[in-house]
Amino acid sequence: MKSSKNDMVNHPPHYKMGRFEVIDILEDLAHDDPLIWQVLKYCSRYKHKGKPLEDLKKARWYLDRKISQMEKT
């Protein structure tokens, strides 16, 4: 199988933060909380995917949902 520099399936460039891939950070910090997982994912890639405002709004949506859940408990 031919390897390319930009592997969009296994290692897409917009999932890399500096020296780390976002998946590694998410698994370490938010492995047990899917809503926080999404917040961190969208915040980490908002500058790299081409629609920064959209990604930040998505992060806010997940964060608002998490806050609502916590306020109910």
PDB file of N, CA and C in Angstrom:
ATOM      1  N   MET A   1       0.829  -1.179   0.000  1.00  0.00           N
ATOM      2  CA  MET A   1       0.000   0.000   0.000  1.00  0.00           C
ATOM      3  C   MET A   1       0.879   1.250   0.000  1.00  0.00           C
ATOM      4  N   LYS A   2       0.552   2.191  -0.830  1.00  0.00           N
ATOM      5  CA  LYS A   2       1.340   3.405  -0.981  1.00  0.00           C
ATOM      6  C   LYS A   2       1.052   4.370   0.168  1.00  0.00           C
ATOM      7  N   SER A   3       2.100   4.912   0.756  1.00  0.00           N
ATOM      8  CA  SER A   3       1.971   5.861   1.852  1.00  0.00           C
ATOM      9  C   SER A   3       2.134   7.279   1.322  1.00  0.00           C
ATOM     10  N   SER A   4       1.314   8.195   1.812  1.00  0.00           N
ATOM     11  CA  SER A   4       1.445   9.587   1.395  1.00  0.00           C
ATOM     12  C   SER A   4       1.677  10.457   2.618  1.00  0.00           C
ATOM     13  N   LYS A   5       2.201  11.641   2.396  1.00  0.00           N
ATOM     14  CA  LYS A   5       2.506  12.551   3.485  1.00  0.00           C
ATOM     15  C   LYS A   5       1.232  12.958   4.225  1.00  0.00           C
ATOM     16  N   ASN A   6       0.159  13.256   3.521  1.00  0.00           N
ATOM     17  CA  ASN A   6      -1.107  13.636   4.132  1.00  0.00           C
ATOM     18  C   ASN A   6      -2.079  12.464   4.068  1.00  0.00           C
ATOM     19  N   ASP A   7      -2.049  11.632   5.074  1.00  0.00           N
ATOM     20  CA  ASP A   7      -2.944  10.491   5.167  1.00  0.00           C
ATOM     21  C   ASP A   7      -4.253  10.972   5.776  1.00  0.00           C
ATOM     22  N   MET A   8      -5.255  11.232   4.947  1.00  0.00           N
ATOM     23  CA  MET A   8      -6.508  11.827   5.384  1.00  0.00           C
ATOM     24  C   MET A   8      -7.383  10.854   6.173  1.00  0.00           C
ATOM     25  N   VAL A   9      -7.055   9.572   6.175  1.00  0.00           N
ATOM     26  CA  VAL A   9      -7.832   8.603   6.936  1.00  0.00           C
ATOM     27  C   VAL A   9      -7.218   8.384   8.322  1.00  0.00           C
ATOM     28  N   ASN A  10      -5.948   8.063   8.372  1.00  0.00           N
ATOM     29  CA  ASN A  10      -5.304   7.705   9.628  1.00  0.00           C
ATOM     30  C   ASN A  10      -4.670   8.873  10.380  1.00  0.00           C
ATOM     31  N   HIS A  11      -4.201   9.876   9.665  1.00  0.00           N
ATOM     32  CA  HIS A  11      -3.512  11.002  10.302  1.00  0.00           C
ATOM     33  C   HIS A  11      -3.791  12.310   9.550  1.00  0.00           C
ATOM     34  N   PRO A  12      -5.060  12.764   9.507  1.00  0.00           N
ATOM     35  CA  PRO A  12      -5.347  14.002   8.794  1.00  0.00           C
ATOM     36  C   PRO A  12      -4.636  15.191   9.449  1.00  0.00           C
ATOM     37  N   PRO A  13      -4.114  16.100   8.658  1.00  0.00           N
ATOM     38  CA  PRO A  13      -3.333  17.210   9.217  1.00  0.00           C
ATOM     39  C   PRO A  13      -4.134  18.103  10.166  1.00  0.00           C
ATOM     40  N   HIS A  14      -5.447  18.214   9.977  1.00  0.00           N
ATOM     41  CA  HIS A  14      -6.226  19.080  10.868  1.00  0.00           C
ATOM     42  C   HIS A  14      -6.491  18.425  12.224  1.00  0.00           C
ATOM     43  N   TYR A  15      -6.025  17.205  12.432  1.00  0.00           N
ATOM     44  CA  TYR A  15      -6.147  16.547  13.733  1.00  0.00           C
ATOM     45  C   TYR A  15      -4.825  16.544  14.487  1.00  0.00           C
ATOM     46  N   LYS A  16      -3.923  17.408  14.109  1.00  0.00           N
ATOM     47  CA  LYS A  16      -2.625  17.465  14.772  1.00  0.00           C
ATOM     48  C   LYS A  16      -2.465  18.834  15.426  1.00  0.00           C
ATOM     49  N   MET A  17      -2.100  18.829  16.708  1.00  0.00           N
ATOM     50  CA  MET A  17      -1.845  20.058  17.450  1.00  0.00           C
ATOM     51  C   MET A  17      -0.365  20.086  17.786  1.00  0.00           C
ATOM     52  N   GLY A  18       0.391  20.868  17.085  1.00  0.00           N
ATOM     53  CA  GLY A  18       1.823  20.900  17.370  1.00  0.00           C
ATOM     54  C   GLY A  18       2.443  19.543  17.166  1.00  0.00           C
ATOM     55  N   ARG A  19       2.989  18.984  18.225  1.00  0.00           N
ATOM     56  CA  ARG A  19       3.652  17.686  18.144  1.00  0.00           C
ATOM     57  C   ARG A  19       2.704  16.518  18.380  1.00  0.00           C
ATOM     58  N   PHE A  20       1.450  16.798  18.746  1.00  0.00           N
ATOM     59  CA  PHE A  20       0.536  15.743  19.167  1.00  0.00           C
ATOM     60  C   PHE A  20      -0.659  15.625  18.242  1.00  0.00           C
ATOM     61  N   GLU A  21      -1.154  14.411  18.099  1.00  0.00           N
ATOM     62  CA  GLU A  21      -2.413  14.218  17.402  1.00  0.00           C
ATOM     63  C   GLU A  21      -3.535  14.391  18.417  1.00  0.00           C
ATOM     64  N   VAL A  22      -4.599  15.012  17.983  1.00  0.00           N
ATOM     65  CA  VAL A  22      -5.722  15.303  18.864  1.00  0.00           C
ATOM     66  C   VAL A  22      -6.263  14.036  19.523  1.00  0.00           C
ATOM     67  N   ILE A  23      -6.314  12.948  18.799  1.00  0.00           N
ATOM     68  CA  ILE A  23      -6.850  11.706  19.353  1.00  0.00           C
ATOM     69  C   ILE A  23      -6.094  11.285  20.612  1.00  0.00           C
ATOM     70  N   ASP A  24      -4.784  11.485  20.624  1.00  0.00           N
ATOM     71  CA  ASP A  24      -3.983  11.112  21.795  1.00  0.00           C
ATOM     72  C   ASP A  24      -4.336  11.989  22.998  1.00  0.00           C
ATOM     73  N   ILE A  25      -4.541  13.259  22.755  1.00  0.00           N
ATOM     74  CA  ILE A  25      -4.908  14.188  23.828  1.00  0.00           C
ATOM     75  C   ILE A  25      -6.313  13.866  24.348  1.00  0.00           C
ATOM     76  N   LEU A  26      -7.238  13.623  23.430  1.00  0.00           N
ATOM     77  CA  LEU A  26      -8.612  13.321  23.823  1.00  0.00           C
ATOM     78  C   LEU A  26      -8.696  12.040  24.637  1.00  0.00           C
ATOM     79  N   GLU A  27      -7.983  11.028  24.203  1.00  0.00           N
ATOM     80  CA  GLU A  27      -8.007   9.769  24.943  1.00  0.00           C
ATOM     81  C   GLU A  27      -7.447   9.940  26.351  1.00  0.00           C
ATOM     82  N   ASP A  28      -6.494  10.824  26.503  1.00  0.00           N
ATOM     83  CA  ASP A  28      -5.882  11.051  27.804  1.00  0.00           C
ATOM     84  C   ASP A  28      -6.754  11.931  28.705  1.00  0.00           C
ATOM     85  N   LEU A  29      -7.332  13.001  28.154  1.00  0.00           N
ATOM     86  CA  LEU A  29      -8.044  13.988  28.963  1.00  0.00           C
ATOM     87  C   LEU A  29      -9.545  13.766  29.082  1.00  0.00           C
ATOM     88  N   ALA A  30     -10.168  13.213  28.065  1.00  0.00           N
ATOM     89  CA  ALA A  30     -11.633  13.159  28.050  1.00  0.00           C
ATOM     90  C   ALA A  30     -12.162  11.788  27.670  1.00  0.00           C
ATOM     91  N   HIS A  31     -11.422  10.754  27.982  1.00  0.00           N
ATOM     92  CA  HIS A  31     -11.800   9.400  27.559  1.00  0.00           C
ATOM     93  C   HIS A  31     -13.158   8.963  28.088  1.00  0.00           C
ATOM     94  N   ASP A  32     -13.618   9.543  29.187  1.00  0.00           N
ATOM     95  CA  ASP A  32     -14.873   9.099  29.787  1.00  0.00           C
ATOM     96  C   ASP A  32     -16.009  10.116  29.651  1.00  0.00           C
ATOM     97  N   ASP A  33     -15.822  11.148  28.846  1.00  0.00           N
ATOM     98  CA  ASP A  33     -16.845  12.189  28.717  1.00  0.00           C
ATOM     99  C   ASP A  33     -16.996  12.607  27.255  1.00  0.00           C
ATOM    100  N   PRO A  34     -17.969  12.029  26.548  1.00  0.00           N
ATOM    101  CA  PRO A  34     -18.097  12.299  25.113  1.00  0.00           C
ATOM    102  C   PRO A  34     -18.379  13.766  24.767  1.00  0.00           C
ATOM    103  N   LEU A  35     -19.067  14.488  25.633  1.00  0.00           N
ATOM    104  CA  LEU A  35     -19.339  15.900  25.321  1.00  0.00           C
ATOM    105  C   LEU A  35     -18.072  16.738  25.426  1.00  0.00           C
ATOM    106  N   ILE A  36     -17.287  16.522  26.457  1.00  0.00           N
ATOM    107  CA  ILE A  36     -16.023  17.249  26.592  1.00  0.00           C
ATOM    108  C   ILE A  36     -15.067  16.822  25.489  1.00  0.00           C
ATOM    109  N   TRP A  37     -15.122  15.574  25.110  1.00  0.00           N
ATOM    110  CA  TRP A  37     -14.323  15.066  23.982  1.00  0.00           C
ATOM    111  C   TRP A  37     -14.582  15.939  22.753  1.00  0.00           C
ATOM    112  N   GLN A  38     -15.860  16.179  22.453  1.00  0.00           N
ATOM    113  CA  GLN A  38     -16.226  16.966  21.274  1.00  0.00           C
ATOM    114  C   GLN A  38     -15.772  18.418  21.414  1.00  0.00           C
ATOM    115  N   VAL A  39     -15.934  18.995  22.591  1.00  0.00           N
ATOM    116  CA  VAL A  39     -15.493  20.376  22.824  1.00  0.00           C
ATOM    117  C   VAL A  39     -14.006  20.500  22.518  1.00  0.00           C
ATOM    118  N   LEU A  40     -13.224  19.600  23.079  1.00  0.00           N
ATOM    119  CA  LEU A  40     -11.773  19.655  22.867  1.00  0.00           C
ATOM    120  C   LEU A  40     -11.408  19.409  21.413  1.00  0.00           C
ATOM    121  N   LYS A  41     -12.109  18.494  20.778  1.00  0.00           N
ATOM    122  CA  LYS A  41     -11.829  18.187  19.370  1.00  0.00           C
ATOM    123  C   LYS A  41     -12.035  19.426  18.501  1.00  0.00           C
ATOM    124  N   TYR A  42     -13.190  20.060  18.645  1.00  0.00           N
ATOM    125  CA  TYR A  42     -13.476  21.222  17.797  1.00  0.00           C
ATOM    126  C   TYR A  42     -12.577  22.413  18.128  1.00  0.00           C
ATOM    127  N   CYS A  43     -12.267  22.602  19.398  1.00  0.00           N
ATOM    128  CA  CYS A  43     -11.373  23.702  19.771  1.00  0.00           C
ATOM    129  C   CYS A  43      -9.958  23.486  19.243  1.00  0.00           C
ATOM    130  N   SER A  44      -9.528  22.253  19.233  1.00  0.00           N
ATOM    131  CA  SER A  44      -8.153  21.985  18.809  1.00  0.00           C
ATOM    132  C   SER A  44      -7.955  22.119  17.308  1.00  0.00           C
ATOM    133  N   ARG A  45      -8.987  21.951  16.523  1.00  0.00           N
ATOM    134  CA  ARG A  45      -8.794  21.972  15.071  1.00  0.00           C
ATOM    135  C   ARG A  45      -9.420  23.182  14.376  1.00  0.00           C
ATOM    136  N   TYR A  46     -10.012  24.103  15.122  1.00  0.00           N
ATOM    137  CA  TYR A  46     -10.764  25.181  14.491  1.00  0.00           C
ATOM    138  C   TYR A  46      -9.936  26.033  13.529  1.00  0.00           C
ATOM    139  N   LYS A  47      -8.658  26.151  13.737  1.00  0.00           N
ATOM    140  CA  LYS A  47      -7.807  26.956  12.846  1.00  0.00           C
ATOM    141  C   LYS A  47      -7.354  26.188  11.611  1.00  0.00           C
ATOM    142  N   HIS A  48      -7.538  24.889  11.601  1.00  0.00           N
ATOM    143  CA  HIS A  48      -6.893  24.068  10.580  1.00  0.00           C
ATOM    144  C   HIS A  48      -7.826  23.444   9.553  1.00  0.00           C
ATOM    145  N   LYS A  49      -9.120  23.521   9.747  1.00  0.00           N
ATOM    146  CA  LYS A  49     -10.033  22.777   8.889  1.00  0.00           C
ATOM    147  C   LYS A  49     -10.704  23.641   7.822  1.00  0.00           C
ATOM    148  N   GLY A  50     -10.587  24.951   7.943  1.00  0.00           N
ATOM    149  CA  GLY A  50     -11.137  25.817   6.908  1.00  0.00           C
ATOM    150  C   GLY A  50     -12.389  26.578   7.289  1.00  0.00           C
ATOM    151  N   LYS A  51     -13.035  26.209   8.394  1.00  0.00           N
ATOM    152  CA  LYS A  51     -14.239  26.911   8.843  1.00  0.00           C
ATOM    153  C   LYS A  51     -14.125  27.160  10.344  1.00  0.00           C
ATOM    154  N   PRO A  52     -13.244  28.085  10.739  1.00  0.00           N
ATOM    155  CA  PRO A  52     -12.967  28.258  12.162  1.00  0.00           C
ATOM    156  C   PRO A  52     -14.195  28.659  12.988  1.00  0.00           C
ATOM    157  N   LEU A  53     -14.986  29.581  12.498  1.00  0.00           N
ATOM    158  CA  LEU A  53     -16.145  30.012  13.264  1.00  0.00           C
ATOM    159  C   LEU A  53     -17.145  28.867  13.447  1.00  0.00           C
ATOM    160  N   GLU A  54     -17.336  28.083  12.404  1.00  0.00           N
ATOM    161  CA  GLU A  54     -18.250  26.939  12.491  1.00  0.00           C
ATOM    162  C   GLU A  54     -17.776  25.930  13.532  1.00  0.00           C
ATOM    163  N   ASP A  55     -16.490  25.637  13.544  1.00  0.00           N
ATOM    164  CA  ASP A  55     -15.972  24.684  14.526  1.00  0.00           C
ATOM    165  C   ASP A  55     -16.087  25.222  15.944  1.00  0.00           C
ATOM    166  N   LEU A  56     -15.865  26.518  16.150  1.00  0.00           N
ATOM    167  CA  LEU A  56     -16.020  27.089  17.484  1.00  0.00           C
ATOM    168  C   LEU A  56     -17.481  27.072  17.935  1.00  0.00           C
ATOM    169  N   LYS A  57     -18.396  27.283  17.006  1.00  0.00           N
ATOM    170  CA  LYS A  57     -19.825  27.204  17.344  1.00  0.00           C
ATOM    171  C   LYS A  57     -20.220  25.773  17.706  1.00  0.00           C
ATOM    172  N   LYS A  58     -19.638  24.805  17.017  1.00  0.00           N
ATOM    173  CA  LYS A  58     -19.902  23.407  17.355  1.00  0.00           C
ATOM    174  C   LYS A  58     -19.372  23.100  18.752  1.00  0.00           C
ATOM    175  N   ALA A  59     -18.186  23.593  19.071  1.00  0.00           N
ATOM    176  CA  ALA A  59     -17.623  23.394  20.407  1.00  0.00           C
ATOM    177  C   ALA A  59     -18.539  24.011  21.459  1.00  0.00           C
ATOM    178  N   ARG A  60     -19.040  25.201  21.180  1.00  0.00           N
ATOM    179  CA  ARG A  60     -19.947  25.874  22.120  1.00  0.00           C
ATOM    180  C   ARG A  60     -21.225  25.057  22.314  1.00  0.00           C
ATOM    181  N   TRP A  61     -21.754  24.481  21.229  1.00  0.00           N
ATOM    182  CA  TRP A  61     -22.974  23.680  21.320  1.00  0.00           C
ATOM    183  C   TRP A  61     -22.781  22.513  22.292  1.00  0.00           C
ATOM    184  N   TYR A  62     -21.659  21.802  22.144  1.00  0.00           N
ATOM    185  CA  TYR A  62     -21.374  20.677  23.032  1.00  0.00           C
ATOM    186  C   TYR A  62     -21.126  21.142  24.465  1.00  0.00           C
ATOM    187  N   LEU A  63     -20.441  22.266  24.626  1.00  0.00           N
ATOM    188  CA  LEU A  63     -20.192  22.782  25.960  1.00  0.00           C
ATOM    189  C   LEU A  63     -21.497  23.214  26.633  1.00  0.00           C
ATOM    190  N   ASP A  64     -22.367  23.884  25.902  1.00  0.00           N
ATOM    191  CA  ASP A  64     -23.675  24.263  26.450  1.00  0.00           C
ATOM    192  C   ASP A  64     -24.477  23.041  26.867  1.00  0.00           C
ATOM    193  N   ARG A  65     -24.408  21.998  26.091  1.00  0.00           N
ATOM    194  CA  ARG A  65     -25.126  20.757  26.434  1.00  0.00           C
ATOM    195  C   ARG A  65     -24.566  20.158  27.722  1.00  0.00           C
ATOM    196  N   LYS A  66     -23.238  20.152  27.863  1.00  0.00           N
ATOM    197  CA  LYS A  66     -22.614  19.636  29.080  1.00  0.00           C
ATOM    198  C   LYS A  66     -23.024  20.485  30.286  1.00  0.00           C
ATOM    199  N   ILE A  67     -23.004  21.780  30.139  1.00  0.00           N
ATOM    200  CA  ILE A  67     -23.392  22.679  31.229  1.00  0.00           C
ATOM    201  C   ILE A  67     -24.838  22.423  31.627  1.00  0.00           C
ATOM    202  N   SER A  68     -25.724  22.266  30.649  1.00  0.00           N
ATOM    203  CA  SER A  68     -27.133  21.978  30.947  1.00  0.00           C
ATOM    204  C   SER A  68     -27.285  20.687  31.731  1.00  0.00           C
ATOM    205  N   GLN A  69     -26.545  19.679  31.332  1.00  0.00           N
ATOM    206  CA  GLN A  69     -26.596  18.400  32.057  1.00  0.00           C
ATOM    207  C   GLN A  69     -26.145  18.575  33.507  1.00  0.00           C
ATOM    208  N   MET A  70     -25.085  19.316  33.697  1.00  0.00           N
ATOM    209  CA  MET A  70     -24.547  19.503  35.046  1.00  0.00           C
ATOM    210  C   MET A  70     -25.490  20.341  35.908  1.00  0.00           C
ATOM    211  N   GLU A  71     -26.175  21.287  35.304  1.00  0.00           N
ATOM    212  CA  GLU A  71     -27.103  22.124  36.064  1.00  0.00           C
ATOM    213  C   GLU A  71     -28.321  21.328  36.533  1.00  0.00           C
ATOM    214  N   LYS A  72     -28.651  20.261  35.843  1.00  0.00           N
ATOM    215  CA  LYS A  72     -29.807  19.428  36.202  1.00  0.00           C
ATOM    216  C   LYS A  72     -29.495  18.486  37.363  1.00  0.00           C
ATOM    217  N   THR A  73     -28.223  18.263  37.637  1.00  0.00           N
ATOM    218  CA  THR A  73     -27.867  17.315  38.701  1.00  0.00           C
ATOM    219  C   THR A  73     -27.700  18.004  40.031  1.00  0.00           C
TER     220      THR A  73
END
